[in-house]
Amino acid sequence: ICCYFLQMKPIVNKQQENETIITEFILLGFGTLTQLQTLLFLLFLVIYIVTMVGNILIIALVVAEQHLHTPMYFFLGNLACLETCYTSTILPRMLGSLLTGNRTVSVRGCITQFYFFGSLAATECSLLSMMSYDRYLAICKPLHYVAHMNSKLCVKLVVGSWIAGFISIAILIFMMSQLTFCGPNEVDHFFCDLKPIINLSCGN
């Protein structure tokens, strides 16, 4: 038995020595559509500008208009702010890739992008739940609505949604940061999502 383990030990070391740790990913995205790169860039640029302008106008309107200082529009303004950040985690990087043709991103940069993307997605789910709770009170308990849904509670719900979103995904990001990547480094996606990154890991 001892001889067996002694014989197996050099094989394991040899495999470890031959492993090359990957420090960069290549986001394939729309790389196969090389003839449409310019068209895709212009299309996504227009979508990004329209999204940003629309959300910024909603935020400005909710802040400026005194009649819209109600819980429903307060939540809507926060949702618009969230969508602005949410879109900005993906589209600028993708636009730069389409414009320059550079699709490489560092492993840390990829995990960082997923952290913000995942955190904002979790925050959006939480915020939408708060918005449905607000509408539930307004429809089912209209007489108690003003007493229950005051400005302090609205602020607490929104702040809680943002904090919960960013903390909940931090555990997953910590586990992802412990992974090693030594195989292929091509991500068949246009941004760093969870499943494509996990599939490239050579760890357990």
N, C-alpha and C. Protein backbone atom coordinates (compact mmCIF):
# COMPACT_ATOMS: atom_id res chain seq x y z
N ILE A 1 0.83 -1.20 0.00
CA ILE A 1 0.00 0.00 0.00
C ILE A 1 0.87 1.25 0.00
N CYS A 2 1.94 1.24 0.82
CA CYS A 2 2.85 2.41 0.88
C CYS A 2 3.50 2.65 -0.48
N CYS A 3 3.89 1.59 -1.13
CA CYS A 3 4.51 1.72 -2.45
C CYS A 3 3.53 2.31 -3.46
N TYR A 4 2.25 1.94 -3.32
CA TYR A 4 1.22 2.45 -4.24
C TYR A 4 1.09 3.97 -4.11
N PHE A 5 1.01 4.45 -2.86
CA PHE A 5 0.87 5.88 -2.64
C PHE A 5 2.12 6.64 -3.05
N LEU A 6 3.28 6.05 -2.84
CA LEU A 6 4.53 6.69 -3.26
C LEU A 6 4.62 6.80 -4.78
N GLN A 7 4.06 5.80 -5.46
CA GLN A 7 4.05 5.85 -6.92
C GLN A 7 3.05 6.87 -7.44
N MET A 8 1.97 7.06 -6.74
CA MET A 8 0.94 8.00 -7.18
C MET A 8 1.31 9.45 -6.91
N LYS A 9 2.14 9.70 -5.92
CA LYS A 9 2.46 11.06 -5.52
C LYS A 9 3.12 11.89 -6.62
N PRO A 10 4.12 11.37 -7.34
CA PRO A 10 4.73 12.16 -8.40
C PRO A 10 3.76 12.50 -9.52
N ILE A 11 2.77 11.64 -9.76
CA ILE A 11 1.80 11.90 -10.82
C ILE A 11 0.95 13.12 -10.47
N VAL A 12 0.53 13.21 -9.20
CA VAL A 12 -0.27 14.36 -8.77
C VAL A 12 0.54 15.64 -8.87
N ASN A 13 1.79 15.60 -8.44
CA ASN A 13 2.65 16.78 -8.51
C ASN A 13 2.89 17.21 -9.94
N LYS A 14 3.02 16.22 -10.82
CA LYS A 14 3.24 16.54 -12.22
C LYS A 14 2.03 17.25 -12.82
N GLN A 15 0.83 16.80 -12.43
CA GLN A 15 -0.38 17.45 -12.91
C GLN A 15 -0.49 18.88 -12.39
N GLN A 16 -0.09 19.07 -11.11
CA GLN A 16 -0.16 20.41 -10.55
C GLN A 16 0.84 21.35 -11.20
N GLU A 17 2.02 20.81 -11.55
CA GLU A 17 3.03 21.64 -12.18
C GLU A 17 2.62 22.05 -13.58
N ASN A 18 1.87 21.17 -14.25
CA ASN A 18 1.46 21.45 -15.63
C ASN A 18 0.27 22.40 -15.71
N GLU A 19 -0.39 22.67 -14.57
CA GLU A 19 -1.53 23.56 -14.58
C GLU A 19 -1.09 25.00 -14.79
N THR A 20 -1.77 25.71 -15.70
CA THR A 20 -1.50 27.13 -15.94
C THR A 20 -2.67 27.93 -15.41
N ILE A 21 -2.40 28.76 -14.42
CA ILE A 21 -3.45 29.56 -13.82
C ILE A 21 -3.82 30.71 -14.77
N ILE A 22 -5.12 30.79 -15.10
CA ILE A 22 -5.61 31.81 -16.04
C ILE A 22 -5.90 33.10 -15.26
N THR A 23 -5.45 34.21 -15.79
CA THR A 23 -5.69 35.52 -15.15
C THR A 23 -6.62 36.40 -15.98
N GLU A 24 -6.98 35.96 -17.19
CA GLU A 24 -7.86 36.74 -18.06
C GLU A 24 -8.89 35.85 -18.72
N PHE A 25 -10.06 36.40 -18.92
CA PHE A 25 -11.12 35.74 -19.68
C PHE A 25 -11.31 36.47 -21.00
N ILE A 26 -11.83 35.75 -21.96
CA ILE A 26 -12.22 36.35 -23.25
C ILE A 26 -13.73 36.23 -23.37
N LEU A 27 -14.41 37.38 -23.35
CA LEU A 27 -15.86 37.40 -23.49
C LEU A 27 -16.21 37.33 -24.97
N LEU A 28 -16.69 36.18 -25.41
CA LEU A 28 -16.97 35.99 -26.84
C LEU A 28 -18.10 36.90 -27.29
N GLY A 29 -19.17 36.98 -26.50
CA GLY A 29 -20.28 37.88 -26.82
C GLY A 29 -20.79 37.69 -28.23
N PHE A 30 -20.68 38.75 -29.03
CA PHE A 30 -21.13 38.73 -30.42
C PHE A 30 -19.91 38.63 -31.34
N GLY A 31 -18.87 37.95 -30.88
CA GLY A 31 -17.62 37.86 -31.65
C GLY A 31 -17.76 37.17 -32.99
N THR A 32 -18.75 36.27 -33.11
CA THR A 32 -18.93 35.56 -34.37
C THR A 32 -19.56 36.44 -35.45
N LEU A 33 -20.21 37.52 -35.02
CA LEU A 33 -20.88 38.42 -35.97
C LEU A 33 -19.96 39.61 -36.27
N THR A 34 -18.79 39.32 -36.81
CA THR A 34 -17.80 40.38 -37.03
C THR A 34 -18.28 41.44 -38.01
N GLN A 35 -19.08 41.04 -39.01
CA GLN A 35 -19.55 42.00 -40.00
C GLN A 35 -20.63 42.92 -39.46
N LEU A 36 -21.19 42.59 -38.29
CA LEU A 36 -22.25 43.41 -37.70
C LEU A 36 -21.80 44.19 -36.47
N GLN A 37 -20.50 44.24 -36.22
CA GLN A 37 -19.98 44.89 -35.01
C GLN A 37 -20.39 46.36 -34.93
N THR A 38 -20.24 47.08 -36.04
CA THR A 38 -20.58 48.51 -36.05
C THR A 38 -22.07 48.72 -35.84
N LEU A 39 -22.88 47.91 -36.51
CA LEU A 39 -24.33 48.02 -36.37
C LEU A 39 -24.77 47.70 -34.95
N LEU A 40 -24.19 46.65 -34.36
CA LEU A 40 -24.52 46.29 -32.98
C LEU A 40 -24.09 47.38 -32.01
N PHE A 41 -22.92 47.99 -32.26
CA PHE A 41 -22.45 49.08 -31.40
C PHE A 41 -23.43 50.24 -31.42
N LEU A 42 -23.87 50.64 -32.60
CA LEU A 42 -24.80 51.76 -32.71
C LEU A 42 -26.15 51.42 -32.07
N LEU A 43 -26.61 50.19 -32.27
CA LEU A 43 -27.89 49.76 -31.71
C LEU A 43 -27.86 49.79 -30.19
N PHE A 44 -26.83 49.18 -29.59
CA PHE A 44 -26.74 49.15 -28.14
C PHE A 44 -26.42 50.52 -27.55
N LEU A 45 -25.73 51.35 -28.30
CA LEU A 45 -25.45 52.71 -27.83
C LEU A 45 -26.75 53.51 -27.73
N VAL A 46 -27.61 53.38 -28.74
CA VAL A 46 -28.91 54.06 -28.71
C VAL A 46 -29.75 53.54 -27.55
N ILE A 47 -29.77 52.22 -27.35
CA ILE A 47 -30.53 51.62 -26.25
C ILE A 47 -30.02 52.14 -24.91
N TYR A 48 -28.70 52.22 -24.77
CA TYR A 48 -28.10 52.68 -23.51
C TYR A 48 -28.45 54.14 -23.24
N ILE A 49 -28.34 54.98 -24.28
CA ILE A 49 -28.63 56.41 -24.11
C ILE A 49 -30.10 56.62 -23.76
N VAL A 50 -31.00 55.92 -24.46
CA VAL A 50 -32.44 56.05 -24.19
C VAL A 50 -32.76 55.59 -22.77
N THR A 51 -32.15 54.48 -22.35
CA THR A 51 -32.37 53.96 -20.99
C THR A 51 -31.91 54.95 -19.94
N MET A 52 -30.69 55.49 -20.13
CA MET A 52 -30.13 56.43 -19.17
C MET A 52 -30.96 57.71 -19.10
N VAL A 53 -31.29 58.27 -20.27
CA VAL A 53 -32.06 59.52 -20.31
C VAL A 53 -33.44 59.33 -19.69
N GLY A 54 -34.10 58.22 -20.03
CA GLY A 54 -35.43 57.94 -19.48
C GLY A 54 -35.42 57.83 -17.97
N ASN A 55 -34.46 57.08 -17.43
CA ASN A 55 -34.39 56.90 -15.98
C ASN A 55 -34.01 58.19 -15.26
N ILE A 56 -33.07 58.96 -15.84
CA ILE A 56 -32.67 60.23 -15.23
C ILE A 56 -33.83 61.22 -15.22
N LEU A 57 -34.63 61.22 -16.30
CA LEU A 57 -35.81 62.10 -16.34
C LEU A 57 -36.83 61.72 -15.28
N ILE A 58 -37.01 60.42 -15.06
CA ILE A 58 -37.94 59.96 -14.02
C ILE A 58 -37.46 60.42 -12.65
N ILE A 59 -36.16 60.26 -12.38
CA ILE A 59 -35.60 60.68 -11.09
C ILE A 59 -35.76 62.19 -10.89
N ALA A 60 -35.42 62.95 -11.94
CA ALA A 60 -35.52 64.41 -11.85
C ALA A 60 -36.96 64.86 -11.63
N LEU A 61 -37.88 64.21 -12.32
CA LEU A 61 -39.30 64.58 -12.19
C LEU A 61 -39.83 64.29 -10.80
N VAL A 62 -39.46 63.12 -10.25
CA VAL A 62 -39.91 62.74 -8.91
C VAL A 62 -39.34 63.70 -7.85
N VAL A 63 -38.09 64.11 -8.03
CA VAL A 63 -37.46 65.02 -7.07
C VAL A 63 -38.03 66.43 -7.19
N ALA A 64 -38.24 66.90 -8.43
CA ALA A 64 -38.65 68.30 -8.64
C ALA A 64 -40.13 68.54 -8.38
N GLU A 65 -40.97 67.58 -8.72
CA GLU A 65 -42.42 67.79 -8.61
C GLU A 65 -42.91 67.47 -7.20
N GLN A 66 -43.44 68.46 -6.54
CA GLN A 66 -43.88 68.31 -5.16
C GLN A 66 -45.04 67.32 -5.02
N HIS A 67 -45.90 67.26 -6.02
CA HIS A 67 -47.06 66.37 -5.96
C HIS A 67 -46.66 64.89 -6.06
N LEU A 68 -45.46 64.62 -6.50
CA LEU A 68 -45.01 63.24 -6.64
C LEU A 68 -44.22 62.74 -5.43
N HIS A 69 -44.21 63.53 -4.37
CA HIS A 69 -43.51 63.12 -3.15
C HIS A 69 -44.41 62.20 -2.32
N THR A 70 -44.72 61.06 -2.92
CA THR A 70 -45.54 60.03 -2.27
C THR A 70 -44.74 58.73 -2.27
N PRO A 71 -45.13 57.77 -1.41
CA PRO A 71 -44.38 56.51 -1.35
C PRO A 71 -44.24 55.81 -2.70
N MET A 72 -45.32 55.79 -3.49
CA MET A 72 -45.27 55.09 -4.77
C MET A 72 -44.21 55.68 -5.70
N TYR A 73 -44.17 56.99 -5.81
CA TYR A 73 -43.20 57.63 -6.70
C TYR A 73 -41.79 57.65 -6.08
N PHE A 74 -41.73 57.62 -4.76
CA PHE A 74 -40.43 57.50 -4.10
C PHE A 74 -39.78 56.16 -4.47
N PHE A 75 -40.57 55.09 -4.41
CA PHE A 75 -40.07 53.77 -4.81
C PHE A 75 -39.74 53.74 -6.30
N LEU A 76 -40.58 54.38 -7.10
CA LEU A 76 -40.36 54.41 -8.55
C LEU A 76 -39.07 55.15 -8.90
N GLY A 77 -38.80 56.25 -8.20
CA GLY A 77 -37.55 56.98 -8.42
C GLY A 77 -36.34 56.16 -8.05
N ASN A 78 -36.43 55.40 -6.97
CA ASN A 78 -35.33 54.52 -6.57
C ASN A 78 -35.14 53.39 -7.56
N LEU A 79 -36.25 52.89 -8.10
CA LEU A 79 -36.15 51.84 -9.12
C LEU A 79 -35.47 52.37 -10.38
N ALA A 80 -35.77 53.61 -10.76
CA ALA A 80 -35.12 54.22 -11.92
C ALA A 80 -33.62 54.40 -11.67
N CYS A 81 -33.27 54.81 -10.46
CA CYS A 81 -31.86 54.94 -10.09
C CYS A 81 -31.16 53.58 -10.14
N LEU A 82 -31.85 52.57 -9.66
CA LEU A 82 -31.31 51.21 -9.68
C LEU A 82 -31.11 50.73 -11.11
N GLU A 83 -32.07 50.99 -11.98
CA GLU A 83 -31.95 50.58 -13.38
C GLU A 83 -30.80 51.29 -14.09
N THR A 84 -30.54 52.55 -13.71
CA THR A 84 -29.41 53.28 -14.28
C THR A 84 -28.09 52.61 -13.93
N CYS A 85 -27.95 52.24 -12.66
CA CYS A 85 -26.73 51.54 -12.21
C CYS A 85 -26.65 50.14 -12.82
N TYR A 86 -27.79 49.47 -12.86
CA TYR A 86 -27.88 48.09 -13.36
C TYR A 86 -27.40 48.02 -14.82
N THR A 87 -27.88 48.94 -15.63
CA THR A 87 -27.51 48.97 -17.05
C THR A 87 -26.03 49.32 -17.22
N SER A 88 -25.53 50.19 -16.35
CA SER A 88 -24.15 50.66 -16.48
C SER A 88 -23.12 49.61 -16.08
N THR A 89 -23.54 48.52 -15.45
CA THR A 89 -22.59 47.46 -15.12
C THR A 89 -22.27 46.58 -16.32
N ILE A 90 -23.12 46.62 -17.35
CA ILE A 90 -22.94 45.71 -18.49
C ILE A 90 -22.65 46.45 -19.79
N LEU A 91 -23.51 47.41 -20.13
CA LEU A 91 -23.44 48.01 -21.47
C LEU A 91 -22.16 48.78 -21.78
N PRO A 92 -21.61 49.62 -20.89
CA PRO A 92 -20.37 50.33 -21.26
C PRO A 92 -19.22 49.39 -21.62
N ARG A 93 -19.07 48.31 -20.85
CA ARG A 93 -18.01 47.33 -21.15
C ARG A 93 -18.26 46.65 -22.48
N MET A 94 -19.52 46.32 -22.76
CA MET A 94 -19.86 45.67 -24.02
C MET A 94 -19.68 46.62 -25.20
N LEU A 95 -20.04 47.89 -25.03
CA LEU A 95 -19.86 48.88 -26.09
C LEU A 95 -18.37 49.07 -26.41
N GLY A 96 -17.55 49.11 -25.36
CA GLY A 96 -16.10 49.23 -25.57
C GLY A 96 -15.54 48.03 -26.31
N SER A 97 -16.06 46.85 -25.99
CA SER A 97 -15.61 45.63 -26.67
C SER A 97 -16.01 45.64 -28.14
N LEU A 98 -17.23 46.09 -28.44
CA LEU A 98 -17.68 46.15 -29.83
C LEU A 98 -16.91 47.21 -30.63
N LEU A 99 -16.54 48.29 -29.97
CA LEU A 99 -15.85 49.39 -30.65
C LEU A 99 -14.38 49.07 -30.92
N THR A 100 -13.69 48.52 -29.93
CA THR A 100 -12.24 48.28 -30.04
C THR A 100 -11.90 46.86 -30.47
N GLY A 101 -12.82 45.94 -30.25
CA GLY A 101 -12.54 44.54 -30.55
C GLY A 101 -11.80 43.83 -29.44
N ASN A 102 -11.49 44.53 -28.36
CA ASN A 102 -10.80 43.93 -27.22
C ASN A 102 -11.82 43.27 -26.30
N ARG A 103 -11.81 41.94 -26.24
CA ARG A 103 -12.79 41.21 -25.46
C ARG A 103 -12.22 40.63 -24.18
N THR A 104 -10.98 40.93 -23.87
CA THR A 104 -10.35 40.36 -22.68
C THR A 104 -10.76 41.14 -21.42
N VAL A 105 -10.88 40.42 -20.33
CA VAL A 105 -11.17 41.01 -19.03
C VAL A 105 -10.47 40.15 -17.98
N SER A 106 -9.89 40.79 -16.99
CA SER A 106 -9.19 40.05 -15.94
C SER A 106 -10.19 39.24 -15.11
N VAL A 107 -9.69 38.20 -14.46
CA VAL A 107 -10.55 37.37 -13.62
C VAL A 107 -11.15 38.20 -12.49
N ARG A 108 -10.33 39.05 -11.87
CA ARG A 108 -10.84 39.92 -10.81
C ARG A 108 -11.87 40.91 -11.34
N GLY A 109 -11.60 41.47 -12.52
CA GLY A 109 -12.54 42.39 -13.13
C GLY A 109 -13.86 41.71 -13.45
N CYS A 110 -13.78 40.46 -13.89
CA CYS A 110 -14.98 39.70 -14.22
C CYS A 110 -15.81 39.43 -12.97
N ILE A 111 -15.15 39.01 -11.90
CA ILE A 111 -15.86 38.73 -10.65
C ILE A 111 -16.44 40.02 -10.07
N THR A 112 -15.70 41.13 -10.22
CA THR A 112 -16.20 42.43 -9.74
C THR A 112 -17.45 42.84 -10.50
N GLN A 113 -17.44 42.64 -11.83
CA GLN A 113 -18.62 42.97 -12.63
C GLN A 113 -19.81 42.14 -12.18
N PHE A 114 -19.58 40.85 -11.95
CA PHE A 114 -20.68 39.99 -11.51
C PHE A 114 -21.18 40.40 -10.12
N TYR A 115 -20.26 40.87 -9.26
CA TYR A 115 -20.68 41.30 -7.92
C TYR A 115 -21.68 42.45 -8.02
N PHE A 116 -21.36 43.47 -8.82
CA PHE A 116 -22.26 44.61 -8.94
C PHE A 116 -23.55 44.21 -9.67
N PHE A 117 -23.41 43.38 -10.71
CA PHE A 117 -24.59 42.91 -11.44
C PHE A 117 -25.51 42.11 -10.52
N GLY A 118 -24.92 41.15 -9.77
CA GLY A 118 -25.72 40.31 -8.87
C GLY A 118 -26.32 41.10 -7.72
N SER A 119 -25.54 42.05 -7.17
CA SER A 119 -26.03 42.87 -6.06
C SER A 119 -27.21 43.72 -6.49
N LEU A 120 -27.09 44.35 -7.67
CA LEU A 120 -28.17 45.19 -8.16
C LEU A 120 -29.40 44.37 -8.54
N ALA A 121 -29.18 43.16 -9.03
CA ALA A 121 -30.32 42.27 -9.34
C ALA A 121 -31.05 41.87 -8.07
N ALA A 122 -30.29 41.54 -7.01
CA ALA A 122 -30.90 41.18 -5.73
C ALA A 122 -31.62 42.39 -5.12
N THR A 123 -31.02 43.57 -5.26
CA THR A 123 -31.65 44.80 -4.76
C THR A 123 -32.95 45.07 -5.50
N GLU A 124 -32.96 44.83 -6.81
CA GLU A 124 -34.17 45.06 -7.60
C GLU A 124 -35.30 44.14 -7.15
N CYS A 125 -34.98 42.87 -6.89
CA CYS A 125 -36.01 41.94 -6.41
C CYS A 125 -36.59 42.40 -5.08
N SER A 126 -35.70 42.83 -4.19
CA SER A 126 -36.15 43.31 -2.87
C SER A 126 -36.98 44.58 -3.00
N LEU A 127 -36.53 45.49 -3.86
CA LEU A 127 -37.25 46.75 -4.04
C LEU A 127 -38.63 46.53 -4.67
N LEU A 128 -38.71 45.62 -5.61
CA LEU A 128 -40.01 45.30 -6.21
C LEU A 128 -40.96 44.69 -5.18
N SER A 129 -40.40 43.93 -4.24
CA SER A 129 -41.23 43.38 -3.15
C SER A 129 -41.77 44.50 -2.27
N MET A 130 -40.92 45.49 -1.99
CA MET A 130 -41.37 46.64 -1.18
C MET A 130 -42.46 47.43 -1.90
N MET A 131 -42.30 47.56 -3.24
CA MET A 131 -43.30 48.28 -4.03
C MET A 131 -44.63 47.53 -4.03
N SER A 132 -44.59 46.18 -4.10
CA SER A 132 -45.84 45.43 -4.06
C SER A 132 -46.50 45.51 -2.69
N TYR A 133 -45.67 45.57 -1.64
CA TYR A 133 -46.22 45.74 -0.29
C TYR A 133 -46.91 47.10 -0.17
N ASP A 134 -46.30 48.12 -0.74
CA ASP A 134 -46.89 49.46 -0.74
C ASP A 134 -48.24 49.46 -1.45
N ARG A 135 -48.32 48.81 -2.61
CA ARG A 135 -49.59 48.76 -3.36
C ARG A 135 -50.63 47.91 -2.63
N TYR A 136 -50.15 46.87 -1.94
CA TYR A 136 -51.08 46.03 -1.15
C TYR A 136 -51.76 46.85 -0.06
N LEU A 137 -50.95 47.66 0.65
CA LEU A 137 -51.54 48.51 1.70
C LEU A 137 -52.50 49.54 1.11
N ALA A 138 -52.11 50.13 -0.04
CA ALA A 138 -52.95 51.17 -0.65
C ALA A 138 -54.29 50.62 -1.13
N ILE A 139 -54.30 49.36 -1.61
CA ILE A 139 -55.52 48.79 -2.17
C ILE A 139 -56.36 48.08 -1.11
N CYS A 140 -55.71 47.27 -0.28
CA CYS A 140 -56.44 46.44 0.68
C CYS A 140 -56.71 47.13 2.01
N LYS A 141 -55.86 48.08 2.38
CA LYS A 141 -56.05 48.79 3.66
C LYS A 141 -55.90 50.30 3.45
N PRO A 142 -56.78 50.87 2.67
CA PRO A 142 -56.64 52.30 2.33
C PRO A 142 -56.75 53.24 3.53
N LEU A 143 -57.56 52.86 4.52
CA LEU A 143 -57.74 53.73 5.68
C LEU A 143 -56.51 53.75 6.59
N HIS A 144 -55.75 52.69 6.56
CA HIS A 144 -54.54 52.60 7.40
C HIS A 144 -53.27 52.91 6.61
N TYR A 145 -53.42 53.24 5.32
CA TYR A 145 -52.24 53.40 4.45
C TYR A 145 -51.31 54.51 4.93
N VAL A 146 -51.88 55.68 5.22
CA VAL A 146 -51.05 56.83 5.62
C VAL A 146 -50.33 56.56 6.94
N ALA A 147 -51.00 55.86 7.84
CA ALA A 147 -50.40 55.58 9.14
C ALA A 147 -49.26 54.57 9.01
N HIS A 148 -49.43 53.58 8.14
CA HIS A 148 -48.41 52.53 7.99
C HIS A 148 -47.25 52.97 7.09
N MET A 149 -47.58 53.52 5.93
CA MET A 149 -46.55 53.84 4.93
C MET A 149 -46.17 55.33 5.02
N ASN A 150 -45.38 55.67 6.02
CA ASN A 150 -44.91 57.05 6.14
C ASN A 150 -43.52 57.18 5.52
N SER A 151 -42.99 58.39 5.50
CA SER A 151 -41.71 58.65 4.83
C SER A 151 -40.55 57.91 5.48
N LYS A 152 -40.55 57.82 6.81
CA LYS A 152 -39.46 57.13 7.51
C LYS A 152 -39.43 55.65 7.15
N LEU A 153 -40.60 55.03 7.10
CA LEU A 153 -40.66 53.61 6.74
C LEU A 153 -40.20 53.41 5.29
N CYS A 154 -40.58 54.30 4.39
CA CYS A 154 -40.17 54.20 2.98
C CYS A 154 -38.65 54.24 2.86
N VAL A 155 -38.02 55.17 3.58
CA VAL A 155 -36.56 55.28 3.54
C VAL A 155 -35.92 54.02 4.09
N LYS A 156 -36.46 53.51 5.20
CA LYS A 156 -35.91 52.29 5.80
C LYS A 156 -36.03 51.09 4.86
N LEU A 157 -37.17 50.98 4.18
CA LEU A 157 -37.38 49.87 3.25
C LEU A 157 -36.41 49.94 2.07
N VAL A 158 -36.21 51.16 1.53
CA VAL A 158 -35.32 51.32 0.39
C VAL A 158 -33.87 51.06 0.79
N VAL A 159 -33.44 51.65 1.91
CA VAL A 159 -32.07 51.44 2.38
C VAL A 159 -31.84 49.96 2.70
N GLY A 160 -32.84 49.33 3.32
CA GLY A 160 -32.74 47.91 3.63
C GLY A 160 -32.61 47.06 2.37
N SER A 161 -33.33 47.45 1.31
CA SER A 161 -33.25 46.71 0.04
C SER A 161 -31.85 46.79 -0.56
N TRP A 162 -31.26 48.00 -0.55
CA TRP A 162 -29.91 48.17 -1.10
C TRP A 162 -28.87 47.41 -0.28
N ILE A 163 -28.96 47.51 1.04
CA ILE A 163 -27.99 46.83 1.91
C ILE A 163 -28.13 45.32 1.77
N ALA A 164 -29.36 44.83 1.80
CA ALA A 164 -29.59 43.38 1.68
C ALA A 164 -29.09 42.85 0.35
N GLY A 165 -29.30 43.62 -0.73
CA GLY A 165 -28.85 43.18 -2.05
C GLY A 165 -27.34 43.04 -2.13
N PHE A 166 -26.61 44.01 -1.58
CA PHE A 166 -25.15 43.99 -1.67
C PHE A 166 -24.52 42.99 -0.69
N ILE A 167 -25.18 42.75 0.46
CA ILE A 167 -24.62 41.80 1.42
C ILE A 167 -24.91 40.36 0.98
N SER A 168 -26.11 40.12 0.47
CA SER A 168 -26.50 38.75 0.12
C SER A 168 -25.60 38.13 -0.93
N ILE A 169 -25.12 38.93 -1.87
CA ILE A 169 -24.29 38.39 -2.95
C ILE A 169 -22.82 38.31 -2.55
N ALA A 170 -22.44 38.97 -1.45
CA ALA A 170 -21.04 39.00 -1.03
C ALA A 170 -20.53 37.62 -0.66
N ILE A 171 -21.38 36.78 -0.07
CA ILE A 171 -20.97 35.42 0.30
C ILE A 171 -20.64 34.62 -0.95
N LEU A 172 -21.47 34.74 -1.96
CA LEU A 172 -21.22 34.02 -3.22
C LEU A 172 -19.94 34.52 -3.88
N ILE A 173 -19.70 35.82 -3.86
CA ILE A 173 -18.50 36.39 -4.46
C ILE A 173 -17.25 35.90 -3.72
N PHE A 174 -17.33 35.81 -2.40
CA PHE A 174 -16.19 35.30 -1.63
C PHE A 174 -15.86 33.87 -2.03
N MET A 175 -16.89 33.04 -2.22
CA MET A 175 -16.66 31.66 -2.64
C MET A 175 -16.10 31.60 -4.06
N MET A 176 -16.57 32.48 -4.94
CA MET A 176 -16.07 32.52 -6.32
C MET A 176 -14.60 32.96 -6.36
N SER A 177 -14.22 33.86 -5.45
CA SER A 177 -12.84 34.35 -5.44
C SER A 177 -11.84 33.27 -5.04
N GLN A 178 -12.34 32.18 -4.43
CA GLN A 178 -11.46 31.08 -4.05
C GLN A 178 -11.23 30.09 -5.18
N LEU A 179 -11.97 30.24 -6.27
CA LEU A 179 -11.85 29.31 -7.39
C LEU A 179 -10.57 29.55 -8.17
N THR A 180 -10.07 28.49 -8.80
CA THR A 180 -8.92 28.62 -9.70
C THR A 180 -9.37 28.28 -11.12
N PHE A 181 -8.77 28.92 -12.08
CA PHE A 181 -9.12 28.73 -13.49
C PHE A 181 -7.85 28.34 -14.24
N CYS A 182 -7.86 27.13 -14.78
CA CYS A 182 -6.66 26.64 -15.46
C CYS A 182 -6.97 26.01 -16.81
N GLY A 183 -8.22 26.03 -17.21
CA GLY A 183 -8.59 25.43 -18.48
C GLY A 183 -8.81 26.47 -19.56
N PRO A 184 -9.81 26.30 -20.40
CA PRO A 184 -10.12 27.31 -21.42
C PRO A 184 -10.60 28.61 -20.75
N ASN A 185 -10.29 29.73 -21.39
CA ASN A 185 -10.63 31.02 -20.79
C ASN A 185 -11.66 31.80 -21.61
N GLU A 186 -12.39 31.12 -22.47
CA GLU A 186 -13.39 31.79 -23.31
C GLU A 186 -14.77 31.68 -22.66
N VAL A 187 -15.38 32.83 -22.40
CA VAL A 187 -16.71 32.88 -21.80
C VAL A 187 -17.72 33.16 -22.92
N ASP A 188 -18.62 32.22 -23.14
CA ASP A 188 -19.60 32.35 -24.22
C ASP A 188 -20.76 33.23 -23.75
N HIS A 189 -20.45 34.49 -23.50
CA HIS A 189 -21.44 35.45 -23.02
C HIS A 189 -20.91 36.85 -23.31
N PHE A 190 -21.79 37.87 -23.19
CA PHE A 190 -21.33 39.24 -23.43
C PHE A 190 -21.04 39.97 -22.12
N PHE A 191 -21.25 39.30 -20.96
CA PHE A 191 -20.82 39.84 -19.68
C PHE A 191 -20.52 38.67 -18.74
N CYS A 192 -19.96 38.99 -17.59
CA CYS A 192 -19.53 37.95 -16.65
C CYS A 192 -20.72 37.48 -15.81
N ASP A 193 -21.30 36.39 -16.18
CA ASP A 193 -22.42 35.82 -15.45
C ASP A 193 -21.93 34.63 -14.63
N LEU A 194 -22.77 34.17 -13.70
CA LEU A 194 -22.35 33.14 -12.75
C LEU A 194 -22.04 31.80 -13.42
N LYS A 195 -22.99 31.26 -14.17
CA LYS A 195 -22.83 29.91 -14.70
C LYS A 195 -21.64 29.79 -15.65
N PRO A 196 -21.44 30.70 -16.62
CA PRO A 196 -20.27 30.57 -17.50
C PRO A 196 -18.94 30.62 -16.76
N ILE A 197 -18.86 31.43 -15.69
CA ILE A 197 -17.62 31.50 -14.91
C ILE A 197 -17.40 30.21 -14.15
N ILE A 198 -18.44 29.70 -13.50
CA ILE A 198 -18.31 28.46 -12.73
C ILE A 198 -17.90 27.30 -13.63
N ASN A 199 -18.44 27.28 -14.86
CA ASN A 199 -18.12 26.18 -15.79
C ASN A 199 -16.64 26.17 -16.18
N LEU A 200 -15.98 27.31 -16.09
CA LEU A 200 -14.56 27.38 -16.47
C LEU A 200 -13.62 27.05 -15.32
N SER A 201 -14.16 26.89 -14.12
CA SER A 201 -13.32 26.63 -12.97
C SER A 201 -12.80 25.19 -12.99
N CYS A 202 -11.52 25.05 -12.62
CA CYS A 202 -10.95 23.69 -12.56
C CYS A 202 -10.88 23.19 -11.13
N GLY A 203 -11.40 23.97 -10.20
CA GLY A 203 -11.45 23.54 -8.80
C GLY A 203 -12.74 22.80 -8.51
N ASN A 204 -12.87 22.34 -7.26
CA ASN A 204 -14.08 21.62 -6.86
C ASN A 204 -15.10 22.65 -6.38
